[in-house]
Amino acid sequence: MIIETLTEFLGWCAVINIGMLILSLAAITFGREQALKIHGKIFDLDEKSLKQVYLRYLSQYKILSVVFTIVPYFALKIMG
């Protein structure tokens, strides 16, 4: 029962993380100009630096999602 519950939990966590990643990617892709203006003023960064920050954020979020939700989910699916 514990493994099934944990597998289901990690599966839903993976779905939510993938959804958040897609939502973040869409927001940064389609709202880039507004995001650059707002974040540029808040953090006092130029456009080039902000683009690097956005890319770093998306790549780190993807890696963390894979390592902490997707891989354990598949490992539990294989075990169960």
N, C-alpha and C. Protein backbone atom coordinates (compact mmCIF):
# COMPACT_ATOMS: atom_id res chain seq x y z
N MET A 1 0.82 -1.19 0.00
CA MET A 1 0.00 0.00 0.00
C MET A 1 0.86 1.26 0.00
N ILE A 2 1.94 1.26 0.75
CA ILE A 2 2.80 2.44 0.84
C ILE A 2 3.44 2.75 -0.52
N ILE A 3 3.94 1.72 -1.20
CA ILE A 3 4.61 1.93 -2.49
C ILE A 3 3.61 2.44 -3.52
N GLU A 4 2.40 1.91 -3.53
CA GLU A 4 1.38 2.37 -4.47
C GLU A 4 1.02 3.83 -4.21
N THR A 5 0.87 4.18 -2.94
CA THR A 5 0.53 5.56 -2.57
C THR A 5 1.66 6.51 -2.96
N LEU A 6 2.90 6.11 -2.66
CA LEU A 6 4.05 6.94 -3.00
C LEU A 6 4.20 7.07 -4.52
N THR A 7 3.95 6.00 -5.24
CA THR A 7 4.02 6.04 -6.70
C THR A 7 2.98 7.00 -7.26
N GLU A 8 1.77 6.93 -6.74
CA GLU A 8 0.72 7.83 -7.21
C GLU A 8 1.06 9.29 -6.86
N PHE A 9 1.57 9.51 -5.65
CA PHE A 9 1.97 10.85 -5.24
C PHE A 9 3.04 11.42 -6.16
N LEU A 10 4.09 10.64 -6.42
CA LEU A 10 5.17 11.11 -7.29
C LEU A 10 4.69 11.31 -8.72
N GLY A 11 3.74 10.49 -9.16
CA GLY A 11 3.17 10.66 -10.49
C GLY A 11 2.46 12.00 -10.62
N TRP A 12 1.65 12.34 -9.62
CA TRP A 12 0.95 13.62 -9.64
C TRP A 12 1.93 14.78 -9.47
N CYS A 13 2.95 14.60 -8.66
CA CYS A 13 3.98 15.65 -8.53
C CYS A 13 4.67 15.89 -9.87
N ALA A 14 4.94 14.81 -10.59
CA ALA A 14 5.58 14.94 -11.90
C ALA A 14 4.67 15.68 -12.88
N VAL A 15 3.39 15.35 -12.86
CA VAL A 15 2.44 16.02 -13.75
C VAL A 15 2.38 17.52 -13.42
N ILE A 16 2.30 17.85 -12.15
CA ILE A 16 2.24 19.25 -11.74
C ILE A 16 3.54 19.98 -12.11
N ASN A 17 4.68 19.34 -11.88
CA ASN A 17 5.96 19.96 -12.23
C ASN A 17 6.10 20.19 -13.72
N ILE A 18 5.68 19.23 -14.53
CA ILE A 18 5.74 19.39 -15.97
C ILE A 18 4.80 20.51 -16.41
N GLY A 19 3.62 20.57 -15.80
CA GLY A 19 2.69 21.65 -16.11
C GLY A 19 3.26 23.02 -15.75
N MET A 20 3.88 23.11 -14.59
CA MET A 20 4.50 24.37 -14.18
C MET A 20 5.65 24.75 -15.11
N LEU A 21 6.41 23.77 -15.56
CA LEU A 21 7.50 24.03 -16.48
C LEU A 21 6.97 24.56 -17.81
N ILE A 22 5.91 23.94 -18.32
CA ILE A 22 5.31 24.39 -19.57
C ILE A 22 4.71 25.79 -19.41
N LEU A 23 4.05 26.03 -18.29
CA LEU A 23 3.47 27.35 -18.02
C LEU A 23 4.56 28.42 -17.93
N SER A 24 5.65 28.11 -17.24
CA SER A 24 6.76 29.05 -17.13
C SER A 24 7.40 29.32 -18.49
N LEU A 25 7.57 28.28 -19.27
CA LEU A 25 8.14 28.43 -20.60
C LEU A 25 7.25 29.30 -21.48
N ALA A 26 5.93 29.06 -21.42
CA ALA A 26 5.00 29.86 -22.21
C ALA A 26 5.01 31.32 -21.75
N ALA A 27 5.04 31.54 -20.44
CA ALA A 27 5.05 32.90 -19.92
C ALA A 27 6.31 33.65 -20.34
N ILE A 28 7.44 32.98 -20.28
CA ILE A 28 8.70 33.62 -20.67
C ILE A 28 8.78 33.80 -22.19
N THR A 29 8.23 32.87 -22.94
CA THR A 29 8.27 32.97 -24.40
C THR A 29 7.33 34.05 -24.92
N PHE A 30 6.09 34.04 -24.46
CA PHE A 30 5.10 34.95 -25.02
C PHE A 30 5.03 36.28 -24.28
N GLY A 31 5.51 36.35 -23.06
CA GLY A 31 5.48 37.59 -22.30
C GLY A 31 6.86 38.13 -22.02
N ARG A 32 7.78 37.85 -22.92
CA ARG A 32 9.19 38.20 -22.69
C ARG A 32 9.39 39.69 -22.48
N GLU A 33 8.78 40.52 -23.31
CA GLU A 33 9.00 41.96 -23.21
C GLU A 33 8.51 42.52 -21.87
N GLN A 34 7.31 42.09 -21.46
CA GLN A 34 6.79 42.56 -20.17
C GLN A 34 7.65 42.05 -19.01
N ALA A 35 8.05 40.78 -19.10
CA ALA A 35 8.87 40.19 -18.04
C ALA A 35 10.23 40.89 -17.96
N LEU A 36 10.82 41.19 -19.11
CA LEU A 36 12.11 41.86 -19.11
C LEU A 36 12.00 43.25 -18.49
N LYS A 37 10.93 43.97 -18.81
CA LYS A 37 10.74 45.31 -18.23
C LYS A 37 10.57 45.23 -16.71
N ILE A 38 9.67 44.36 -16.28
CA ILE A 38 9.37 44.27 -14.84
C ILE A 38 10.59 43.77 -14.06
N HIS A 39 11.18 42.68 -14.50
CA HIS A 39 12.31 42.12 -13.77
C HIS A 39 13.55 42.99 -13.89
N GLY A 40 13.69 43.68 -15.02
CA GLY A 40 14.81 44.59 -15.18
C GLY A 40 14.77 45.72 -14.16
N LYS A 41 13.56 46.24 -13.93
CA LYS A 41 13.41 47.32 -12.95
C LYS A 41 13.57 46.80 -11.52
N ILE A 42 12.99 45.64 -11.24
CA ILE A 42 13.04 45.10 -9.87
C ILE A 42 14.47 44.72 -9.48
N PHE A 43 15.16 44.01 -10.35
CA PHE A 43 16.47 43.47 -10.00
C PHE A 43 17.64 44.27 -10.57
N ASP A 44 17.34 45.34 -11.31
CA ASP A 44 18.36 46.20 -11.89
C ASP A 44 19.36 45.40 -12.73
N LEU A 45 18.81 44.61 -13.67
CA LEU A 45 19.63 43.81 -14.57
C LEU A 45 19.33 44.20 -16.01
N ASP A 46 20.34 44.03 -16.87
CA ASP A 46 20.11 44.31 -18.29
C ASP A 46 19.45 43.11 -18.97
N GLU A 47 19.04 43.30 -20.21
CA GLU A 47 18.29 42.27 -20.94
C GLU A 47 19.08 40.98 -21.11
N LYS A 48 20.36 41.10 -21.43
CA LYS A 48 21.19 39.92 -21.65
C LYS A 48 21.29 39.07 -20.37
N SER A 49 21.49 39.74 -19.24
CA SER A 49 21.58 39.02 -17.96
C SER A 49 20.27 38.34 -17.61
N LEU A 50 19.16 39.03 -17.87
CA LEU A 50 17.86 38.44 -17.56
C LEU A 50 17.57 37.21 -18.41
N LYS A 51 17.96 37.25 -19.67
CA LYS A 51 17.75 36.08 -20.53
C LYS A 51 18.55 34.88 -20.00
N GLN A 52 19.75 35.13 -19.51
CA GLN A 52 20.55 34.06 -18.92
C GLN A 52 19.90 33.53 -17.65
N VAL A 53 19.34 34.43 -16.85
CA VAL A 53 18.66 34.02 -15.62
C VAL A 53 17.44 33.17 -15.96
N TYR A 54 16.68 33.57 -16.98
CA TYR A 54 15.50 32.80 -17.38
C TYR A 54 15.90 31.40 -17.85
N LEU A 55 16.94 31.34 -18.66
CA LEU A 55 17.40 30.04 -19.15
C LEU A 55 17.90 29.16 -18.01
N ARG A 56 18.65 29.75 -17.09
CA ARG A 56 19.14 29.00 -15.93
C ARG A 56 17.98 28.49 -15.09
N TYR A 57 16.98 29.35 -14.87
CA TYR A 57 15.80 28.96 -14.09
C TYR A 57 15.09 27.76 -14.73
N LEU A 58 14.83 27.84 -16.03
CA LEU A 58 14.12 26.75 -16.70
C LEU A 58 14.93 25.46 -16.70
N SER A 59 16.22 25.56 -16.92
CA SER A 59 17.03 24.34 -16.96
C SER A 59 17.16 23.71 -15.57
N GLN A 60 17.34 24.54 -14.53
CA GLN A 60 17.43 23.98 -13.18
C GLN A 60 16.10 23.39 -12.73
N TYR A 61 15.01 24.03 -13.07
CA TYR A 61 13.69 23.50 -12.70
C TYR A 61 13.45 22.15 -13.39
N LYS A 62 13.86 22.06 -14.66
CA LYS A 62 13.69 20.80 -15.38
C LYS A 62 14.53 19.69 -14.77
N ILE A 63 15.77 19.99 -14.45
CA ILE A 63 16.65 18.98 -13.85
C ILE A 63 16.10 18.52 -12.50
N LEU A 64 15.69 19.47 -11.66
CA LEU A 64 15.14 19.12 -10.35
C LEU A 64 13.86 18.30 -10.47
N SER A 65 13.02 18.63 -11.45
CA SER A 65 11.78 17.87 -11.65
C SER A 65 12.09 16.43 -12.06
N VAL A 66 13.05 16.29 -12.94
CA VAL A 66 13.41 14.94 -13.41
C VAL A 66 14.02 14.13 -12.26
N VAL A 67 14.96 14.73 -11.54
CA VAL A 67 15.68 14.00 -10.49
C VAL A 67 14.78 13.64 -9.31
N PHE A 68 13.92 14.57 -8.90
CA PHE A 68 13.17 14.34 -7.67
C PHE A 68 11.74 13.83 -7.85
N THR A 69 11.21 13.83 -9.06
CA THR A 69 9.85 13.28 -9.24
C THR A 69 9.77 12.22 -10.33
N ILE A 70 10.30 12.49 -11.49
CA ILE A 70 10.11 11.58 -12.61
C ILE A 70 10.93 10.30 -12.46
N VAL A 71 12.21 10.42 -12.12
CA VAL A 71 13.05 9.23 -11.94
C VAL A 71 12.55 8.35 -10.78
N PRO A 72 12.26 8.92 -9.59
CA PRO A 72 11.72 8.07 -8.53
C PRO A 72 10.37 7.43 -8.90
N TYR A 73 9.55 8.15 -9.65
CA TYR A 73 8.27 7.60 -10.09
C TYR A 73 8.50 6.34 -10.93
N PHE A 74 9.39 6.44 -11.92
CA PHE A 74 9.65 5.28 -12.76
C PHE A 74 10.34 4.16 -11.99
N ALA A 75 11.19 4.49 -11.05
CA ALA A 75 11.83 3.47 -10.23
C ALA A 75 10.80 2.70 -9.40
N LEU A 76 9.85 3.42 -8.83
CA LEU A 76 8.79 2.75 -8.06
C LEU A 76 7.86 1.95 -8.97
N LYS A 77 7.61 2.44 -10.18
CA LYS A 77 6.79 1.68 -11.12
C LYS A 77 7.48 0.36 -11.48
N ILE A 78 8.79 0.40 -11.67
CA ILE A 78 9.53 -0.82 -12.00
C ILE A 78 9.52 -1.78 -10.82
N MET A 79 9.68 -1.24 -9.59
CA MET A 79 9.69 -2.08 -8.40
C MET A 79 8.31 -2.69 -8.11
N GLY A 80 7.27 -1.90 -8.35
CA GLY A 80 5.92 -2.36 -8.00
C GLY A 80 5.32 -3.12 -9.10
